[in-house]
Amino acid sequence: KVLALLLAVCLVFSFAACGSKSSEGSDGPKILKL
């Protein structure tokens, strides 16, 4: 479970770094993340 939590945290930071504009209400492109 600890490893899973650490992985999730790493994924969160990597997602934030990719810079695409999804459901934030931005005028940028519609990019869905699944």
PDB file of all heavy atoms in Angstrom:
ATOM      1  N   LYS A   1       0.823  -1.200   0.000  1.00  0.00           N
ATOM      2  CA  LYS A   1       0.000   0.000   0.000  1.00  0.00           C
ATOM      3  C   LYS A   1       0.863   1.257   0.000  1.00  0.00           C
ATOM      4  O   LYS A   1       0.544   2.253  -0.645  1.00  0.00           O
ATOM      5  CB  LYS A   1      -0.931  -0.010   1.212  1.00  0.00           C
ATOM      6  CG  LYS A   1      -2.041  -1.047   1.098  1.00  0.00           C
ATOM      7  CD  LYS A   1      -3.019  -0.917   2.248  1.00  0.00           C
ATOM      8  CE  LYS A   1      -4.179  -1.898   2.064  1.00  0.00           C
ATOM      9  NZ  LYS A   1      -5.155  -1.790   3.149  1.00  0.00           N
ATOM     10  N   VAL A   2       1.973   1.213   0.751  1.00  0.00           N
ATOM     11  CA  VAL A   2       2.883   2.372   0.787  1.00  0.00           C
ATOM     12  C   VAL A   2       3.441   2.635  -0.601  1.00  0.00           C
ATOM     13  O   VAL A   2       3.476   3.772  -1.082  1.00  0.00           O
ATOM     14  CB  VAL A   2       4.028   2.134   1.804  1.00  0.00           C
ATOM     15  CG1 VAL A   2       5.082   3.218   1.672  1.00  0.00           C
ATOM     16  CG2 VAL A   2       3.465   2.112   3.222  1.00  0.00           C
ATOM     17  N   LEU A   3       3.880   1.556  -1.264  1.00  0.00           N
ATOM     18  CA  LEU A   3       4.416   1.724  -2.623  1.00  0.00           C
ATOM     19  C   LEU A   3       3.363   2.265  -3.572  1.00  0.00           C
ATOM     20  O   LEU A   3       3.641   3.103  -4.430  1.00  0.00           O
ATOM     21  CB  LEU A   3       4.939   0.380  -3.135  1.00  0.00           C
ATOM     22  CG  LEU A   3       6.216  -0.146  -2.465  1.00  0.00           C
ATOM     23  CD1 LEU A   3       6.516  -1.566  -2.923  1.00  0.00           C
ATOM     24  CD2 LEU A   3       7.393   0.775  -2.733  1.00  0.00           C
ATOM     25  N   ALA A   4       2.115   1.779  -3.415  1.00  0.00           N
ATOM     26  CA  ALA A   4       1.033   2.272  -4.273  1.00  0.00           C
ATOM     27  C   ALA A   4       0.794   3.754  -4.064  1.00  0.00           C
ATOM     28  O   ALA A   4       0.582   4.519  -5.006  1.00  0.00           O
ATOM     29  CB  ALA A   4      -0.250   1.484  -3.992  1.00  0.00           C
ATOM     30  N   LEU A   5       0.857   4.194  -2.789  1.00  0.00           N
ATOM     31  CA  LEU A   5       0.650   5.609  -2.491  1.00  0.00           C
ATOM     32  C   LEU A   5       1.770   6.462  -3.069  1.00  0.00           C
ATOM     33  O   LEU A   5       1.544   7.531  -3.640  1.00  0.00           O
ATOM     34  CB  LEU A   5       0.557   5.818  -0.978  1.00  0.00           C
ATOM     35  CG  LEU A   5      -0.732   5.310  -0.320  1.00  0.00           C
ATOM     36  CD1 LEU A   5      -0.585   5.322   1.194  1.00  0.00           C
ATOM     37  CD2 LEU A   5      -1.912   6.162  -0.731  1.00  0.00           C
ATOM     38  N   LEU A   6       3.010   5.957  -2.946  1.00  0.00           N
ATOM     39  CA  LEU A   6       4.140   6.694  -3.508  1.00  0.00           C
ATOM     40  C   LEU A   6       4.030   6.787  -5.020  1.00  0.00           C
ATOM     41  O   LEU A   6       4.296   7.834  -5.616  1.00  0.00           O
ATOM     42  CB  LEU A   6       5.457   5.999  -3.122  1.00  0.00           C
ATOM     43  CG  LEU A   6       5.866   6.116  -1.649  1.00  0.00           C
ATOM     44  CD1 LEU A   6       7.088   5.243  -1.364  1.00  0.00           C
ATOM     45  CD2 LEU A   6       6.170   7.571  -1.276  1.00  0.00           C
ATOM     46  N   LEU A   7       3.595   5.690  -5.649  1.00  0.00           N
ATOM     47  CA  LEU A   7       3.412   5.704  -7.096  1.00  0.00           C
ATOM     48  C   LEU A   7       2.363   6.722  -7.501  1.00  0.00           C
ATOM     49  O   LEU A   7       2.531   7.467  -8.462  1.00  0.00           O
ATOM     50  CB  LEU A   7       2.993   4.304  -7.568  1.00  0.00           C
ATOM     51  CG  LEU A   7       2.610   4.167  -9.052  1.00  0.00           C
ATOM     52  CD1 LEU A   7       3.795   4.521  -9.933  1.00  0.00           C
ATOM     53  CD2 LEU A   7       2.113   2.768  -9.344  1.00  0.00           C
ATOM     54  N   ALA A   8       1.275   6.738  -6.740  1.00  0.00           N
ATOM     55  CA  ALA A   8       0.205   7.686  -7.058  1.00  0.00           C
ATOM     56  C   ALA A   8       0.685   9.122  -6.956  1.00  0.00           C
ATOM     57  O   ALA A   8       0.364   9.966  -7.784  1.00  0.00           O
ATOM     58  CB  ALA A   8      -0.988   7.461  -6.132  1.00  0.00           C
ATOM     59  N   VAL A   9       1.493   9.413  -5.913  1.00  0.00           N
ATOM     60  CA  VAL A   9       2.010  10.774  -5.741  1.00  0.00           C
ATOM     61  C   VAL A   9       2.908  11.147  -6.924  1.00  0.00           C
ATOM     62  O   VAL A   9       2.814  12.247  -7.486  1.00  0.00           O
ATOM     63  CB  VAL A   9       2.787  10.893  -4.407  1.00  0.00           C
ATOM     64  CG1 VAL A   9       3.522  12.218  -4.339  1.00  0.00           C
ATOM     65  CG2 VAL A   9       1.822  10.768  -3.231  1.00  0.00           C
ATOM     66  N   CYS A  10       3.756  10.188  -7.313  1.00  0.00           N
ATOM     67  CA  CYS A  10       4.626  10.455  -8.463  1.00  0.00           C
ATOM     68  C   CYS A  10       3.810  10.703  -9.729  1.00  0.00           C
ATOM     69  O   CYS A  10       4.116  11.591 -10.515  1.00  0.00           O
ATOM     70  CB  CYS A  10       5.561   9.265  -8.690  1.00  0.00           C
ATOM     71  SG  CYS A  10       6.774   9.043  -7.372  1.00  0.00           S
ATOM     72  N   LEU A  11       2.753   9.911  -9.900  1.00  0.00           N
ATOM     73  CA  LEU A  11       1.904  10.094 -11.070  1.00  0.00           C
ATOM     74  C   LEU A  11       1.236  11.449 -11.072  1.00  0.00           C
ATOM     75  O   LEU A  11       1.121  12.110 -12.094  1.00  0.00           O
ATOM     76  CB  LEU A  11       0.839   8.992 -11.114  1.00  0.00           C
ATOM     77  CG  LEU A  11       1.348   7.609 -11.525  1.00  0.00           C
ATOM     78  CD1 LEU A  11       0.286   6.560 -11.232  1.00  0.00           C
ATOM     79  CD2 LEU A  11       1.724   7.588 -12.989  1.00  0.00           C
ATOM     80  N   VAL A  12       0.807  11.889  -9.880  1.00  0.00           N
ATOM     81  CA  VAL A  12       0.148  13.192  -9.773  1.00  0.00           C
ATOM     82  C   VAL A  12       1.076  14.296 -10.241  1.00  0.00           C
ATOM     83  O   VAL A  12       0.709  15.180 -11.014  1.00  0.00           O
ATOM     84  CB  VAL A  12      -0.318  13.443  -8.323  1.00  0.00           C
ATOM     85  CG1 VAL A  12      -0.672  14.906  -8.120  1.00  0.00           C
ATOM     86  CG2 VAL A  12      -1.504  12.565  -7.991  1.00  0.00           C
ATOM     87  N   PHE A  13       2.337  14.245  -9.765  1.00  0.00           N
ATOM     88  CA  PHE A  13       3.291  15.283 -10.178  1.00  0.00           C
ATOM     89  C   PHE A  13       3.597  15.195 -11.669  1.00  0.00           C
ATOM     90  O   PHE A  13       3.728  16.208 -12.352  1.00  0.00           O
ATOM     91  CB  PHE A  13       4.585  15.164  -9.367  1.00  0.00           C
ATOM     92  CG  PHE A  13       4.464  15.761  -7.990  1.00  0.00           C
ATOM     93  CD1 PHE A  13       4.473  14.954  -6.868  1.00  0.00           C
ATOM     94  CD2 PHE A  13       4.291  17.137  -7.823  1.00  0.00           C
ATOM     95  CE1 PHE A  13       4.346  15.506  -5.604  1.00  0.00           C
ATOM     96  CE2 PHE A  13       4.165  17.693  -6.555  1.00  0.00           C
ATOM     97  CZ  PHE A  13       4.194  16.867  -5.429  1.00  0.00           C
ATOM     98  N   SER A  14       3.673  13.944 -12.194  1.00  0.00           N
ATOM     99  CA  SER A  14       3.960  13.819 -13.627  1.00  0.00           C
ATOM    100  C   SER A  14       2.793  14.324 -14.460  1.00  0.00           C
ATOM    101  O   SER A  14       2.975  14.901 -15.512  1.00  0.00           O
ATOM    102  CB  SER A  14       4.276  12.357 -13.976  1.00  0.00           C
ATOM    103  OG  SER A  14       3.137  11.553 -13.817  1.00  0.00           O
ATOM    104  N   PHE A  15       1.565  14.100 -13.987  1.00  0.00           N
ATOM    105  CA  PHE A  15       0.398  14.612 -14.714  1.00  0.00           C
ATOM    106  C   PHE A  15       0.418  16.128 -14.738  1.00  0.00           C
ATOM    107  O   PHE A  15       0.171  16.770 -15.746  1.00  0.00           O
ATOM    108  CB  PHE A  15      -0.899  14.165 -14.018  1.00  0.00           C
ATOM    109  CG  PHE A  15      -1.113  12.680 -14.037  1.00  0.00           C
ATOM    110  CD1 PHE A  15      -2.024  12.096 -13.166  1.00  0.00           C
ATOM    111  CD2 PHE A  15      -0.412  11.869 -14.909  1.00  0.00           C
ATOM    112  CE1 PHE A  15      -2.232  10.746 -13.180  1.00  0.00           C
ATOM    113  CE2 PHE A  15      -0.628  10.508 -14.931  1.00  0.00           C
ATOM    114  CZ  PHE A  15      -1.533   9.954 -14.059  1.00  0.00           C
ATOM    115  N   ALA A  16       0.705  16.727 -13.576  1.00  0.00           N
ATOM    116  CA  ALA A  16       0.692  18.180 -13.476  1.00  0.00           C
ATOM    117  C   ALA A  16       1.733  18.798 -14.395  1.00  0.00           C
ATOM    118  O   ALA A  16       1.558  19.892 -14.927  1.00  0.00           O
ATOM    119  CB  ALA A  16       0.944  18.592 -12.026  1.00  0.00           C
ATOM    120  N   ALA A  17       2.804  18.045 -14.607  1.00  0.00           N
ATOM    121  CA  ALA A  17       3.893  18.590 -15.417  1.00  0.00           C
ATOM    122  C   ALA A  17       3.605  18.553 -16.909  1.00  0.00           C
ATOM    123  O   ALA A  17       4.260  19.227 -17.682  1.00  0.00           O
ATOM    124  CB  ALA A  17       5.186  17.798 -15.143  1.00  0.00           C
ATOM    125  N   CYS A  18       2.601  17.757 -17.325  1.00  0.00           N
ATOM    126  CA  CYS A  18       2.423  17.608 -18.771  1.00  0.00           C
ATOM    127  C   CYS A  18       1.723  18.803 -19.404  1.00  0.00           C
ATOM    128  O   CYS A  18       1.711  18.934 -20.613  1.00  0.00           O
ATOM    129  CB  CYS A  18       1.712  16.301 -19.101  1.00  0.00           C
ATOM    130  SG  CYS A  18       0.071  16.143 -18.450  1.00  0.00           S
ATOM    131  N   GLY A  19       1.114  19.659 -18.609  1.00  0.00           N
ATOM    132  CA  GLY A  19       0.693  20.967 -19.100  1.00  0.00           C
ATOM    133  C   GLY A  19      -0.498  21.020 -20.011  1.00  0.00           C
ATOM    134  O   GLY A  19      -0.837  22.060 -20.533  1.00  0.00           O
ATOM    135  N   SER A  20      -1.189  19.899 -20.251  1.00  0.00           N
ATOM    136  CA  SER A  20      -2.366  19.962 -21.112  1.00  0.00           C
ATOM    137  C   SER A  20      -3.539  20.534 -20.343  1.00  0.00           C
ATOM    138  O   SER A  20      -3.626  20.400 -19.139  1.00  0.00           O
ATOM    139  CB  SER A  20      -2.691  18.571 -21.628  1.00  0.00           C
ATOM    140  OG  SER A  20      -3.011  17.711 -20.573  1.00  0.00           O
ATOM    141  N   LYS A  21      -4.432  21.184 -21.067  1.00  0.00           N
ATOM    142  CA  LYS A  21      -5.577  21.837 -20.435  1.00  0.00           C
ATOM    143  C   LYS A  21      -6.787  20.951 -20.622  1.00  0.00           C
ATOM    144  O   LYS A  21      -7.225  20.738 -21.726  1.00  0.00           O
ATOM    145  CB  LYS A  21      -5.811  23.212 -21.070  1.00  0.00           C
ATOM    146  CG  LYS A  21      -4.604  24.134 -20.947  1.00  0.00           C
ATOM    147  CD  LYS A  21      -4.789  25.395 -21.761  1.00  0.00           C
ATOM    148  CE  LYS A  21      -3.539  26.276 -21.706  1.00  0.00           C
ATOM    149  NZ  LYS A  21      -3.677  27.486 -22.526  1.00  0.00           N
ATOM    150  N   SER A  22      -7.318  20.417 -19.521  1.00  0.00           N
ATOM    151  CA  SER A  22      -8.453  19.529 -19.666  1.00  0.00           C
ATOM    152  C   SER A  22      -9.672  20.177 -19.078  1.00  0.00           C
ATOM    153  O   SER A  22     -10.178  21.149 -19.604  1.00  0.00           O
ATOM    154  CB  SER A  22      -8.159  18.179 -19.021  1.00  0.00           C
ATOM    155  OG  SER A  22      -7.929  18.303 -17.637  1.00  0.00           O
ATOM    156  N   SER A  23     -10.144  19.673 -17.952  1.00  0.00           N
ATOM    157  CA  SER A  23     -11.425  20.131 -17.426  1.00  0.00           C
ATOM    158  C   SER A  23     -11.273  21.283 -16.461  1.00  0.00           C
ATOM    159  O   SER A  23     -11.996  21.404 -15.495  1.00  0.00           O
ATOM    160  CB  SER A  23     -12.118  18.956 -16.744  1.00  0.00           C
ATOM    161  OG  SER A  23     -11.267  18.383 -15.777  1.00  0.00           O
ATOM    162  N   GLU A  24     -10.345  22.166 -16.690  1.00  0.00           N
ATOM    163  CA  GLU A  24     -10.124  23.299 -15.800  1.00  0.00           C
ATOM    164  C   GLU A  24     -10.895  24.536 -16.231  1.00  0.00           C
ATOM    165  O   GLU A  24     -10.745  25.601 -15.659  1.00  0.00           O
ATOM    166  CB  GLU A  24      -8.620  23.643 -15.772  1.00  0.00           C
ATOM    167  CG  GLU A  24      -7.733  22.479 -15.344  1.00  0.00           C
ATOM    168  CD  GLU A  24      -8.048  22.012 -13.941  1.00  0.00           C
ATOM    169  OE1 GLU A  24      -8.323  22.876 -13.085  1.00  0.00           O
ATOM    170  OE2 GLU A  24      -8.036  20.806 -13.701  1.00  0.00           O
ATOM    171  N   GLY A  25     -11.700  24.411 -17.258  1.00  0.00           N
ATOM    172  CA  GLY A  25     -12.459  25.566 -17.741  1.00  0.00           C
ATOM    173  C   GLY A  25     -11.629  26.510 -18.583  1.00  0.00           C
ATOM    174  O   GLY A  25     -11.990  27.646 -18.828  1.00  0.00           O
ATOM    175  N   SER A  26     -10.488  26.047 -19.056  1.00  0.00           N
ATOM    176  CA  SER A  26      -9.595  26.885 -19.851  1.00  0.00           C
ATOM    177  C   SER A  26     -10.131  27.027 -21.272  1.00  0.00           C
ATOM    178  O   SER A  26     -10.942  26.259 -21.741  1.00  0.00           O
ATOM    179  CB  SER A  26      -8.203  26.254 -19.873  1.00  0.00           C
ATOM    180  OG  SER A  26      -7.414  26.842 -20.857  1.00  0.00           O
ATOM    181  N   ASP A  27      -9.623  28.066 -21.962  1.00  0.00           N
ATOM    182  CA  ASP A  27      -9.976  28.248 -23.366  1.00  0.00           C
ATOM    183  C   ASP A  27      -9.074  27.428 -24.277  1.00  0.00           C
ATOM    184  O   ASP A  27      -9.191  27.493 -25.497  1.00  0.00           O
ATOM    185  CB  ASP A  27      -9.851  29.734 -23.745  1.00  0.00           C
ATOM    186  CG  ASP A  27     -10.908  30.574 -23.046  1.00  0.00           C
ATOM    187  OD1 ASP A  27     -11.986  30.036 -22.774  1.00  0.00           O
ATOM    188  OD2 ASP A  27     -10.625  31.753 -22.774  1.00  0.00           O
ATOM    189  N   GLY A  28      -8.154  26.680 -23.673  1.00  0.00           N
ATOM    190  CA  GLY A  28      -7.237  25.862 -24.462  1.00  0.00           C
ATOM    191  C   GLY A  28      -7.918  24.642 -25.024  1.00  0.00           C
ATOM    192  O   GLY A  28      -9.137  24.478 -24.938  1.00  0.00           O
ATOM    193  N   PRO A  29      -7.148  23.745 -25.631  1.00  0.00           N
ATOM    194  CA  PRO A  29      -7.727  22.552 -26.255  1.00  0.00           C
ATOM    195  C   PRO A  29      -8.397  21.649 -25.221  1.00  0.00           C
ATOM    196  O   PRO A  29      -8.001  21.593 -24.060  1.00  0.00           O
ATOM    197  CB  PRO A  29      -6.513  21.869 -26.900  1.00  0.00           C
ATOM    198  CG  PRO A  29      -5.328  22.388 -26.140  1.00  0.00           C
ATOM    199  CD  PRO A  29      -5.677  23.788 -25.751  1.00  0.00           C
ATOM    200  N   LYS A  30      -9.407  20.941 -25.670  1.00  0.00           N
ATOM    201  CA  LYS A  30     -10.107  19.985 -24.806  1.00  0.00           C
ATOM    202  C   LYS A  30      -9.338  18.667 -24.804  1.00  0.00           C
ATOM    203  O   LYS A  30      -9.385  17.909 -25.771  1.00  0.00           O
ATOM    204  CB  LYS A  30     -11.521  19.722 -25.340  1.00  0.00           C
ATOM    205  CG  LYS A  30     -12.552  20.771 -25.024  1.00  0.00           C
ATOM    206  CD  LYS A  30     -13.911  20.224 -25.473  1.00  0.00           C
ATOM    207  CE  LYS A  30     -14.997  21.262 -25.358  1.00  0.00           C
ATOM    208  NZ  LYS A  30     -16.305  20.703 -25.806  1.00  0.00           N
ATOM    209  N   ILE A  31      -8.627  18.413 -23.720  1.00  0.00           N
ATOM    210  CA  ILE A  31      -7.851  17.183 -23.584  1.00  0.00           C
ATOM    211  C   ILE A  31      -8.402  16.385 -22.414  1.00  0.00           C
ATOM    212  O   ILE A  31      -8.324  16.818 -21.266  1.00  0.00           O
ATOM    213  CB  ILE A  31      -6.349  17.467 -23.365  1.00  0.00           C
ATOM    214  CG1 ILE A  31      -5.815  18.396 -24.454  1.00  0.00           C
ATOM    215  CG2 ILE A  31      -5.576  16.160 -23.310  1.00  0.00           C
ATOM    216  CD1 ILE A  31      -5.845  17.821 -25.841  1.00  0.00           C
ATOM    217  N   LEU A  32      -8.964  15.248 -22.684  1.00  0.00           N
ATOM    218  CA  LEU A  32      -9.521  14.378 -21.655  1.00  0.00           C
ATOM    219  C   LEU A  32      -8.429  13.466 -21.126  1.00  0.00           C
ATOM    220  O   LEU A  32      -7.597  12.973 -21.886  1.00  0.00           O
ATOM    221  CB  LEU A  32     -10.656  13.546 -22.263  1.00  0.00           C
ATOM    222  CG  LEU A  32     -11.452  12.639 -21.329  1.00  0.00           C
ATOM    223  CD1 LEU A  32     -12.280  13.466 -20.349  1.00  0.00           C
ATOM    224  CD2 LEU A  32     -12.350  11.710 -22.149  1.00  0.00           C
ATOM    225  N   LYS A  33      -8.451  13.230 -19.814  1.00  0.00           N
ATOM    226  CA  LYS A  33      -7.444  12.370 -19.184  1.00  0.00           C
ATOM    227  C   LYS A  33      -8.145  11.186 -18.534  1.00  0.00           C
ATOM    228  O   LYS A  33      -8.987  11.360 -17.655  1.00  0.00           O
ATOM    229  CB  LYS A  33      -6.646  13.146 -18.140  1.00  0.00           C
ATOM    230  CG  LYS A  33      -5.875  14.317 -18.715  1.00  0.00           C
ATOM    231  CD  LYS A  33      -5.195  15.098 -17.608  1.00  0.00           C
ATOM    232  CE  LYS A  33      -4.463  16.311 -18.149  1.00  0.00           C
ATOM    233  NZ  LYS A  33      -3.837  17.114 -17.074  1.00  0.00           N
ATOM    234  N   LEU A  34      -7.779   9.989 -18.972  1.00  0.00           N
ATOM    235  CA  LEU A  34      -8.390   8.771 -18.468  1.00  0.00           C
ATOM    236  C   LEU A  34      -7.323   7.809 -17.962  1.00  0.00           C
ATOM    237  O   LEU A  34      -6.159   7.893 -18.368  1.00  0.00           O
ATOM    238  CB  LEU A  34      -9.204   8.087 -19.570  1.00  0.00           C
ATOM    239  CG  LEU A  34     -10.335   8.907 -20.203  1.00  0.00           C
ATOM    240  CD1 LEU A  34     -10.960   8.128 -21.362  1.00  0.00           C
ATOM    241  CD2 LEU A  34     -11.393   9.272 -19.176  1.00  0.00           C
TER     242      LEU A  34
END
